[in-house]
Amino acid sequence: MAVKTTASGKMDKRTKEYKELKARLAKARAAKSKTAAPKKPASTLKRTASGKVDKRTKEGKEIAARMAKARKAKNSLANRMKRLFR
């Protein structure tokens, strides 16, 4: 199957072979998308318009509480001692 090319070396889009090739590719893409597993969302967290986690929801409040606890623990005496003697 010799596909005709244009002067610049690209495939000639007007030929029957090119059109058949494009049809096969489209058919293959459609079949692949049907068999592909649907993507599940990365997270179910409710987000604000800017994309940040909405802190008004239950999950957002839990996240905020964990982050506050982590910030508090970061400056604890034990952690400061660990940082001093690394």
C-alpha atoms as a PDB file:
ATOM      1  CA  MET A   1       0.000   0.000   0.000  1.00  0.00           C
ATOM      2  CA  ALA A   2       1.994   2.938  -1.275  1.00  0.00           C
ATOM      3  CA  VAL A   3       0.571   6.164   0.031  1.00  0.00           C
ATOM      4  CA  LYS A   4       1.109   9.190  -2.163  1.00  0.00           C
ATOM      5  CA  THR A   5       2.908  12.090  -0.580  1.00  0.00           C
ATOM      6  CA  THR A   6       2.823  15.786  -1.248  1.00  0.00           C
ATOM      7  CA  ALA A   7       5.832  17.847  -2.306  1.00  0.00           C
ATOM      8  CA  SER A   8       6.646  18.553   1.362  1.00  0.00           C
ATOM      9  CA  GLY A   9       6.665  14.825   2.141  1.00  0.00           C
ATOM     10  CA  LYS A  10       3.400  14.606   4.050  1.00  0.00           C
ATOM     11  CA  MET A  11       0.680  12.082   3.222  1.00  0.00           C
ATOM     12  CA  ASP A  12      -1.736  13.300   0.578  1.00  0.00           C
ATOM     13  CA  LYS A  13      -5.076  13.698   2.355  1.00  0.00           C
ATOM     14  CA  ARG A  14      -7.052  13.435  -0.871  1.00  0.00           C
ATOM     15  CA  THR A  15      -6.160   9.799  -1.548  1.00  0.00           C
ATOM     16  CA  LYS A  16      -8.358   6.807  -0.827  1.00  0.00           C
ATOM     17  CA  GLU A  17      -5.588   5.105   1.181  1.00  0.00           C
ATOM     18  CA  TYR A  18      -5.242   8.083   3.507  1.00  0.00           C
ATOM     19  CA  LYS A  19      -8.976   8.225   4.134  1.00  0.00           C
ATOM     20  CA  GLU A  20      -9.077   4.469   4.861  1.00  0.00           C
ATOM     21  CA  LEU A  21      -6.143   4.828   7.237  1.00  0.00           C
ATOM     22  CA  LYS A  22      -7.852   7.653   9.130  1.00  0.00           C
ATOM     23  CA  ALA A  23     -11.079   5.620   9.349  1.00  0.00           C
ATOM     24  CA  ARG A  24      -9.193   2.631  10.816  1.00  0.00           C
ATOM     25  CA  LEU A  25      -7.466   4.858  13.351  1.00  0.00           C
ATOM     26  CA  ALA A  26     -10.763   6.434  14.406  1.00  0.00           C
ATOM     27  CA  LYS A  27     -12.338   2.991  14.765  1.00  0.00           C
ATOM     28  CA  ALA A  28      -9.404   1.770  16.868  1.00  0.00           C
ATOM     29  CA  ARG A  29      -9.575   4.855  19.109  1.00  0.00           C
ATOM     30  CA  ALA A  30     -13.306   4.331  19.657  1.00  0.00           C
ATOM     31  CA  ALA A  31     -12.798   0.652  20.521  1.00  0.00           C
ATOM     32  CA  LYS A  32      -9.988   1.507  22.927  1.00  0.00           C
ATOM     33  CA  SER A  33     -12.067   4.111  24.732  1.00  0.00           C
ATOM     34  CA  LYS A  34     -14.935   1.644  25.153  1.00  0.00           C
ATOM     35  CA  THR A  35     -12.738  -1.060  26.670  1.00  0.00           C
ATOM     36  CA  ALA A  36     -10.710   1.296  28.872  1.00  0.00           C
ATOM     37  CA  ALA A  37     -11.722   1.286  32.520  1.00  0.00           C
ATOM     38  CA  PRO A  38     -13.505   4.460  33.547  1.00  0.00           C
ATOM     39  CA  LYS A  39     -11.266   6.760  35.552  1.00  0.00           C
ATOM     40  CA  LYS A  40     -12.350   7.243  39.111  1.00  0.00           C
ATOM     41  CA  PRO A  41     -11.959  10.713  40.570  1.00  0.00           C
ATOM     42  CA  ALA A  42      -8.739  11.341  42.476  1.00  0.00           C
ATOM     43  CA  SER A  43     -10.679  12.431  45.546  1.00  0.00           C
ATOM     44  CA  THR A  44     -14.222  13.108  46.579  1.00  0.00           C
ATOM     45  CA  LEU A  45     -13.370  16.192  48.603  1.00  0.00           C
ATOM     46  CA  LYS A  46     -15.510  19.217  48.029  1.00  0.00           C
ATOM     47  CA  ARG A  47     -13.401  22.078  46.700  1.00  0.00           C
ATOM     48  CA  THR A  48     -13.772  25.818  46.427  1.00  0.00           C
ATOM     49  CA  ALA A  49     -13.703  27.685  43.118  1.00  0.00           C
ATOM     50  CA  SER A  50      -9.954  28.225  43.495  1.00  0.00           C
ATOM     51  CA  GLY A  51      -9.409  24.476  43.896  1.00  0.00           C
ATOM     52  CA  LYS A  52      -8.629  24.394  47.607  1.00  0.00           C
ATOM     53  CA  VAL A  53     -10.368  21.982  49.968  1.00  0.00           C
ATOM     54  CA  ASP A  54     -13.577  23.481  51.367  1.00  0.00           C
ATOM     55  CA  LYS A  55     -13.008  23.802  55.122  1.00  0.00           C
ATOM     56  CA  ARG A  56     -16.726  24.155  55.820  1.00  0.00           C
ATOM     57  CA  THR A  57     -17.355  20.470  55.127  1.00  0.00           C
ATOM     58  CA  LYS A  58     -16.833  17.654  57.619  1.00  0.00           C
ATOM     59  CA  GLU A  59     -13.853  16.289  55.708  1.00  0.00           C
ATOM     60  CA  GLY A  60     -12.331  19.765  55.377  1.00  0.00           C
ATOM     61  CA  LYS A  61     -12.622  20.349  59.125  1.00  0.00           C
ATOM     62  CA  GLU A  62     -10.938  17.003  59.805  1.00  0.00           C
ATOM     63  CA  ILE A  63      -8.085  17.892  57.448  1.00  0.00           C
ATOM     64  CA  ALA A  64      -7.679  21.310  59.078  1.00  0.00           C
ATOM     65  CA  ALA A  65      -7.581  19.707  62.529  1.00  0.00           C
ATOM     66  CA  ARG A  66      -4.898  17.202  61.430  1.00  0.00           C
ATOM     67  CA  MET A  67      -2.824  19.997  59.909  1.00  0.00           C
ATOM     68  CA  ALA A  68      -3.093  22.094  63.095  1.00  0.00           C
ATOM     69  CA  LYS A  69      -2.033  19.088  65.180  1.00  0.00           C
ATOM     70  CA  ALA A  70       0.945  18.504  62.870  1.00  0.00           C
ATOM     71  CA  ARG A  71       1.982  22.172  63.055  1.00  0.00           C
ATOM     72  CA  LYS A  72       1.767  22.072  66.845  1.00  0.00           C
ATOM     73  CA  ALA A  73       3.786  18.843  67.032  1.00  0.00           C
ATOM     74  CA  LYS A  74       6.435  20.279  64.710  1.00  0.00           C
ATOM     75  CA  ASN A  75       7.407  22.813  67.377  1.00  0.00           C
ATOM     76  CA  SER A  76       7.203  20.448  70.338  1.00  0.00           C
ATOM     77  CA  LEU A  77      10.142  20.188  72.702  1.00  0.00           C
ATOM     78  CA  ALA A  78      10.935  16.622  71.634  1.00  0.00           C
ATOM     79  CA  ASN A  79      11.038  17.582  67.960  1.00  0.00           C
ATOM     80  CA  ARG A  80      13.175  20.644  68.664  1.00  0.00           C
ATOM     81  CA  MET A  81      15.646  18.429  70.526  1.00  0.00           C
ATOM     82  CA  LYS A  82      15.723  15.997  67.586  1.00  0.00           C
ATOM     83  CA  ARG A  83      16.482  18.861  65.203  1.00  0.00           C
ATOM     84  CA  LEU A  84      19.275  20.133  67.449  1.00  0.00           C
ATOM     85  CA  PHE A  85      21.060  16.781  67.626  1.00  0.00           C
ATOM     86  CA  ARG A  86      20.785  15.589  64.049  1.00  0.00           C
END
